[in-house]
Amino acid sequence: MAQKRKKKELEEEYVWVPPEFDEKAFLKKDILSTKLMAITAVIAIVFGIVAAGIGIALGNYAYGFIGWIAGAIVVTQSYKLLGMKKDEIEKMSLVGNILLYALLALGVWILLINPPFTN
């Protein structure tokens, strides 16, 4: 019967070295994303009110949807107007801000087209 060979286990000692952390750059990026989110929230509330006003004034809420879509375009273009460079804004942050706009503006719009705001 064959004998099992004993393997010599060479255990290397691994030392974990944490990567360098640039706290200043991290804070700068975090503050920028917070400002963009606040701007998006304000634009969402404004365009939610505009979409409800358009729908109520024209008697057809489909026209309000056009105003709601226009607000999404304004959100993306407002970053360019504020002087933000494309490489400064993270892709996922931009996607999150557009989703924030969509849900917040839709919520304001639905709230305003229902009673007690309209009769």
Protein backbone atom coordinates (compact mmCIF):
# COMPACT_ATOMS: atom_id res chain seq x y z
CA MET A 1 0.00 0.00 0.00
CA ALA A 2 1.29 3.38 -0.94
CA GLN A 3 2.06 5.81 1.78
CA LYS A 4 0.85 9.34 1.60
CA ARG A 5 3.51 11.87 1.06
CA LYS A 6 3.76 14.53 3.64
CA LYS A 7 3.64 17.96 2.12
CA LYS A 8 5.62 20.59 3.75
CA GLU A 9 3.36 23.52 4.21
CA LEU A 10 5.12 26.73 3.70
CA GLU A 11 3.16 29.40 5.44
CA GLU A 12 3.99 32.81 4.24
CA GLU A 13 3.25 35.62 6.53
CA TYR A 14 0.97 38.14 4.84
CA VAL A 15 0.98 41.68 6.09
CA TRP A 16 -1.94 43.85 5.02
CA VAL A 17 -1.02 47.40 4.22
CA PRO A 18 -4.00 49.77 3.94
CA PRO A 19 -4.07 51.96 0.84
CA GLU A 20 -3.53 55.66 1.16
CA PHE A 21 -6.74 57.56 1.85
CA ASP A 22 -7.14 61.08 0.55
CA GLU A 23 -9.60 62.52 3.02
CA LYS A 24 -9.71 65.94 1.38
CA ALA A 25 -10.68 64.54 -2.03
CA PHE A 26 -13.26 62.25 -0.43
CA LEU A 27 -14.90 65.10 1.46
CA LYS A 28 -14.86 67.33 -1.62
CA LYS A 29 -16.62 64.65 -3.69
CA ASP A 30 -19.12 63.97 -0.92
CA ILE A 31 -20.02 67.65 -0.52
CA LEU A 32 -20.42 67.99 -4.29
CA SER A 33 -22.80 65.04 -4.49
CA THR A 34 -24.84 66.43 -1.57
CA LYS A 35 -25.16 69.81 -3.29
CA LEU A 36 -26.25 68.15 -6.53
CA MET A 37 -28.86 66.13 -4.67
CA ALA A 38 -30.24 69.27 -3.00
CA ILE A 39 -30.42 71.06 -6.37
CA THR A 40 -32.20 68.04 -7.85
CA ALA A 41 -34.74 68.02 -5.00
CA VAL A 42 -35.56 71.70 -5.51
CA ILE A 43 -35.95 71.25 -9.27
CA ALA A 44 -38.16 68.19 -8.68
CA ILE A 45 -40.52 70.11 -6.40
CA VAL A 46 -40.72 73.02 -8.84
CA PHE A 47 -41.41 70.80 -11.85
CA GLY A 48 -43.92 68.73 -9.89
CA ILE A 49 -45.86 71.93 -9.26
CA VAL A 50 -45.44 72.99 -12.90
CA ALA A 51 -46.65 69.62 -14.21
CA ALA A 52 -49.72 69.77 -11.96
CA GLY A 53 -50.42 73.34 -13.05
CA ILE A 54 -50.16 72.44 -16.73
CA GLY A 55 -52.45 69.45 -16.26
CA ILE A 56 -55.05 71.42 -14.35
CA ALA A 57 -54.93 74.46 -16.65
CA LEU A 58 -55.27 72.47 -19.87
CA GLY A 59 -57.63 69.86 -18.46
CA ASN A 60 -55.46 66.99 -19.65
CA TYR A 61 -52.82 65.47 -17.41
CA ALA A 62 -50.88 64.10 -20.39
CA TYR A 63 -49.58 67.63 -20.96
CA GLY A 64 -48.35 67.62 -17.38
CA PHE A 65 -46.33 64.52 -18.22
CA ILE A 66 -44.53 66.52 -20.91
CA GLY A 67 -43.64 69.11 -18.26
CA TRP A 68 -42.45 66.32 -15.98
CA ILE A 69 -40.15 64.96 -18.72
CA ALA A 70 -38.86 68.48 -19.42
CA GLY A 71 -37.80 68.69 -15.79
CA ALA A 72 -35.63 65.59 -16.17
CA ILE A 73 -33.83 67.30 -19.02
CA VAL A 74 -33.43 70.45 -16.94
CA VAL A 75 -31.85 68.41 -14.12
CA THR A 76 -29.14 67.03 -16.37
CA GLN A 77 -28.53 70.36 -18.08
CA SER A 78 -28.45 72.33 -14.81
CA TYR A 79 -25.25 70.58 -13.81
CA LYS A 80 -23.58 71.89 -16.95
CA LEU A 81 -24.92 75.39 -16.27
CA LEU A 82 -23.47 75.27 -12.76
CA GLY A 83 -20.03 74.56 -14.21
CA MET A 84 -19.78 70.92 -13.22
CA LYS A 85 -17.43 68.89 -15.34
CA LYS A 86 -18.51 65.50 -16.60
CA ASP A 87 -15.63 63.72 -14.87
CA GLU A 88 -16.45 65.32 -11.49
CA ILE A 89 -19.88 63.69 -11.31
CA GLU A 90 -20.03 59.97 -10.71
CA LYS A 91 -22.28 57.97 -13.03
CA MET A 92 -24.18 56.30 -10.19
CA SER A 93 -24.68 59.64 -8.46
CA LEU A 94 -26.21 61.05 -11.63
CA VAL A 95 -28.49 58.03 -11.99
CA GLY A 96 -29.53 58.38 -8.36
CA ASN A 97 -30.29 62.06 -8.80
CA ILE A 98 -32.42 61.41 -11.87
CA LEU A 99 -34.34 58.71 -9.98
CA LEU A 100 -34.75 61.12 -7.07
CA TYR A 101 -36.14 63.70 -9.48
CA ALA A 102 -38.53 61.21 -11.07
CA LEU A 103 -40.01 59.98 -7.81
CA LEU A 104 -40.13 63.32 -5.98
CA ALA A 105 -41.63 65.24 -8.91
CA LEU A 106 -44.14 62.47 -9.52
CA GLY A 107 -45.10 62.48 -5.85
CA VAL A 108 -45.63 66.25 -5.80
CA TRP A 109 -47.54 66.09 -9.07
CA ILE A 110 -49.89 63.32 -7.87
CA LEU A 111 -50.42 65.10 -4.57
CA LEU A 112 -51.41 68.34 -6.27
CA ILE A 113 -53.81 66.87 -8.85
CA ASN A 114 -55.91 65.15 -6.19
CA PRO A 115 -58.32 66.63 -3.63
CA PRO A 116 -58.09 68.74 -1.47
CA PHE A 117 -55.85 70.74 -3.82
CA THR A 118 -58.21 70.42 -6.78
CA ASN A 119 -61.97 70.15 -6.71
